[in-house]
């Protein structure tokens, strides 16, 4: 994941703008919000399958874990965007 961020560092500020836009545009027809909902749903489905197969413990809640993964990814994007930004003087 770190390598992917490093390779696409110049795109991270744009991703953060997308996060902000999605958060400020709560309409249900917001395409960016729909993408994040779809991502969380897909992750939750994968986590449900992993839990059912015994690959991860039963106590892992798919929806909560999916939301956590998306939040961590957004946090990493913000961190890398900050590292790429010029230092304030």
C-alpha atoms as a PDB file:
ATOM      1  CA  UNK A   1       0.000   0.000   0.000  1.00  0.00           C
ATOM      2  CA  UNK A   2       2.834   2.379   0.830  1.00  0.00           C
ATOM      3  CA  UNK A   3       4.449   1.739  -2.552  1.00  0.00           C
ATOM      4  CA  UNK A   4       1.163   2.547  -4.290  1.00  0.00           C
ATOM      5  CA  UNK A   5       0.901   5.834  -2.390  1.00  0.00           C
ATOM      6  CA  UNK A   6       4.503   6.681  -3.230  1.00  0.00           C
ATOM      7  CA  UNK A   7       3.907   5.987  -6.921  1.00  0.00           C
ATOM      8  CA  UNK A   8       0.761   8.143  -6.958  1.00  0.00           C
ATOM      9  CA  UNK A   9       1.759  10.819  -4.455  1.00  0.00           C
ATOM     10  CA  UNK A  10       0.925  13.637  -6.882  1.00  0.00           C
ATOM     11  CA  UNK A  11      -2.697  12.404  -7.063  1.00  0.00           C
ATOM     12  CA  UNK A  12      -3.311  12.310  -3.303  1.00  0.00           C
ATOM     13  CA  UNK A  13      -4.378  15.974  -2.949  1.00  0.00           C
ATOM     14  CA  UNK A  14      -7.085  15.349  -5.540  1.00  0.00           C
ATOM     15  CA  UNK A  15      -8.278  12.317  -3.592  1.00  0.00           C
ATOM     16  CA  UNK A  16      -8.543  14.438  -0.471  1.00  0.00           C
ATOM     17  CA  UNK A  17     -10.612  16.980  -2.376  1.00  0.00           C
ATOM     18  CA  UNK A  18     -12.953  14.147  -3.326  1.00  0.00           C
ATOM     19  CA  UNK A  19     -13.281  13.164   0.360  1.00  0.00           C
ATOM     20  CA  UNK A  20     -14.157  16.732   1.294  1.00  0.00           C
ATOM     21  CA  UNK A  21     -16.665  17.073  -1.533  1.00  0.00           C
ATOM     22  CA  UNK A  22     -18.375  13.793  -0.599  1.00  0.00           C
ATOM     23  CA  UNK A  23     -18.595  14.835   3.046  1.00  0.00           C
ATOM     24  CA  UNK A  24     -20.067  18.237   2.207  1.00  0.00           C
ATOM     25  CA  UNK A  25     -22.570  16.937  -0.334  1.00  0.00           C
ATOM     26  CA  UNK A  26     -24.798  14.559   1.601  1.00  0.00           C
ATOM     27  CA  UNK A  27     -27.421  14.053  -1.107  1.00  0.00           C
ATOM     28  CA  UNK A  28     -28.090  10.409  -1.753  1.00  0.00           C
ATOM     29  CA  UNK A  29     -27.370  10.922  -5.462  1.00  0.00           C
ATOM     30  CA  UNK A  30     -23.839  12.233  -4.789  1.00  0.00           C
ATOM     31  CA  UNK A  31     -21.646  10.018  -7.017  1.00  0.00           C
ATOM     32  CA  UNK A  32     -18.598  10.249  -4.729  1.00  0.00           C
ATOM     33  CA  UNK A  33     -20.592   9.288  -1.652  1.00  0.00           C
ATOM     34  CA  UNK A  34     -22.045   6.403  -3.656  1.00  0.00           C
ATOM     35  CA  UNK A  35     -18.539   5.175  -4.517  1.00  0.00           C
ATOM     36  CA  UNK A  36     -17.530   5.184  -0.834  1.00  0.00           C
ATOM     37  CA  UNK A  37     -20.772   3.417   0.166  1.00  0.00           C
ATOM     38  CA  UNK A  38     -20.142   0.824  -2.552  1.00  0.00           C
ATOM     39  CA  UNK A  39     -16.563   0.326  -1.386  1.00  0.00           C
ATOM     40  CA  UNK A  40     -17.675  -0.145   2.230  1.00  0.00           C
ATOM     41  CA  UNK A  41     -20.376  -2.587   1.099  1.00  0.00           C
ATOM     42  CA  UNK A  42     -17.914  -4.611  -0.981  1.00  0.00           C
ATOM     43  CA  UNK A  43     -15.414  -4.713   1.865  1.00  0.00           C
ATOM     44  CA  UNK A  44     -18.130  -5.778   4.287  1.00  0.00           C
ATOM     45  CA  UNK A  45     -19.122  -8.594   1.909  1.00  0.00           C
ATOM     46  CA  UNK A  46     -15.532  -9.825   1.672  1.00  0.00           C
ATOM     47  CA  UNK A  47     -15.177  -9.655   5.452  1.00  0.00           C
ATOM     48  CA  UNK A  48     -18.438 -11.609   5.835  1.00  0.00           C
ATOM     49  CA  UNK A  49     -17.068 -14.315   3.524  1.00  0.00           C
ATOM     50  CA  UNK A  50     -13.757 -14.415   5.405  1.00  0.00           C
ATOM     51  CA  UNK A  51     -15.588 -14.686   8.716  1.00  0.00           C
ATOM     52  CA  UNK A  52     -17.810 -17.493   7.393  1.00  0.00           C
ATOM     53  CA  UNK A  53     -14.762 -19.424   6.158  1.00  0.00           C
ATOM     54  CA  UNK A  54     -13.037 -19.080   9.513  1.00  0.00           C
ATOM     55  CA  UNK A  55     -10.232 -16.922   8.108  1.00  0.00           C
ATOM     56  CA  UNK A  56     -11.068 -14.158  10.583  1.00  0.00           C
ATOM     57  CA  UNK A  57     -12.728 -14.419  14.018  1.00  0.00           C
ATOM     58  CA  UNK A  58     -16.511 -14.369  14.438  1.00  0.00           C
ATOM     59  CA  UNK A  59     -16.348 -11.271  16.652  1.00  0.00           C
ATOM     60  CA  UNK A  60     -15.251  -9.111  13.700  1.00  0.00           C
ATOM     61  CA  UNK A  61     -18.270  -7.072  12.592  1.00  0.00           C
ATOM     62  CA  UNK A  62     -18.150  -6.714   8.776  1.00  0.00           C
ATOM     63  CA  UNK A  63     -19.750  -3.259   8.533  1.00  0.00           C
ATOM     64  CA  UNK A  64     -17.645  -1.776  11.324  1.00  0.00           C
ATOM     65  CA  UNK A  65     -14.424  -3.312   9.994  1.00  0.00           C
ATOM     66  CA  UNK A  66     -15.175  -2.080   6.465  1.00  0.00           C
ATOM     67  CA  UNK A  67     -15.726   1.447   7.796  1.00  0.00           C
ATOM     68  CA  UNK A  68     -12.462   1.203   9.735  1.00  0.00           C
ATOM     69  CA  UNK A  69     -10.513   0.102   6.657  1.00  0.00           C
ATOM     70  CA  UNK A  70     -11.910   2.984   4.589  1.00  0.00           C
ATOM     71  CA  UNK A  71     -11.124   5.456   7.386  1.00  0.00           C
ATOM     72  CA  UNK A  72      -7.548   4.177   7.726  1.00  0.00           C
ATOM     73  CA  UNK A  73      -7.021   4.428   3.974  1.00  0.00           C
ATOM     74  CA  UNK A  74      -8.316   8.020   4.030  1.00  0.00           C
ATOM     75  CA  UNK A  75      -6.012   8.806   6.959  1.00  0.00           C
ATOM     76  CA  UNK A  76      -3.025   7.352   5.126  1.00  0.00           C
ATOM     77  CA  UNK A  77      -3.886   9.448   2.086  1.00  0.00           C
ATOM     78  CA  UNK A  78      -4.020  12.567   4.251  1.00  0.00           C
ATOM     79  CA  UNK A  79      -0.702  11.688   5.898  1.00  0.00           C
ATOM     80  CA  UNK A  80       1.024  11.144   2.578  1.00  0.00           C
ATOM     81  CA  UNK A  81      -0.476  14.330   1.148  1.00  0.00           C
ATOM     82  CA  UNK A  82       0.938  16.238   4.109  1.00  0.00           C
ATOM     83  CA  UNK A  83       4.362  14.652   3.609  1.00  0.00           C
ATOM     84  CA  UNK A  84       4.249  15.660  -0.053  1.00  0.00           C
ATOM     85  CA  UNK A  85       3.244  19.229   0.740  1.00  0.00           C
ATOM     86  CA  UNK A  86       5.993  21.835   0.982  1.00  0.00           C
ATOM     87  CA  UNK A  87       6.994  22.689   4.524  1.00  0.00           C
ATOM     88  CA  UNK A  88       5.470  25.944   5.796  1.00  0.00           C
ATOM     89  CA  UNK A  89       7.973  28.709   6.381  1.00  0.00           C
END
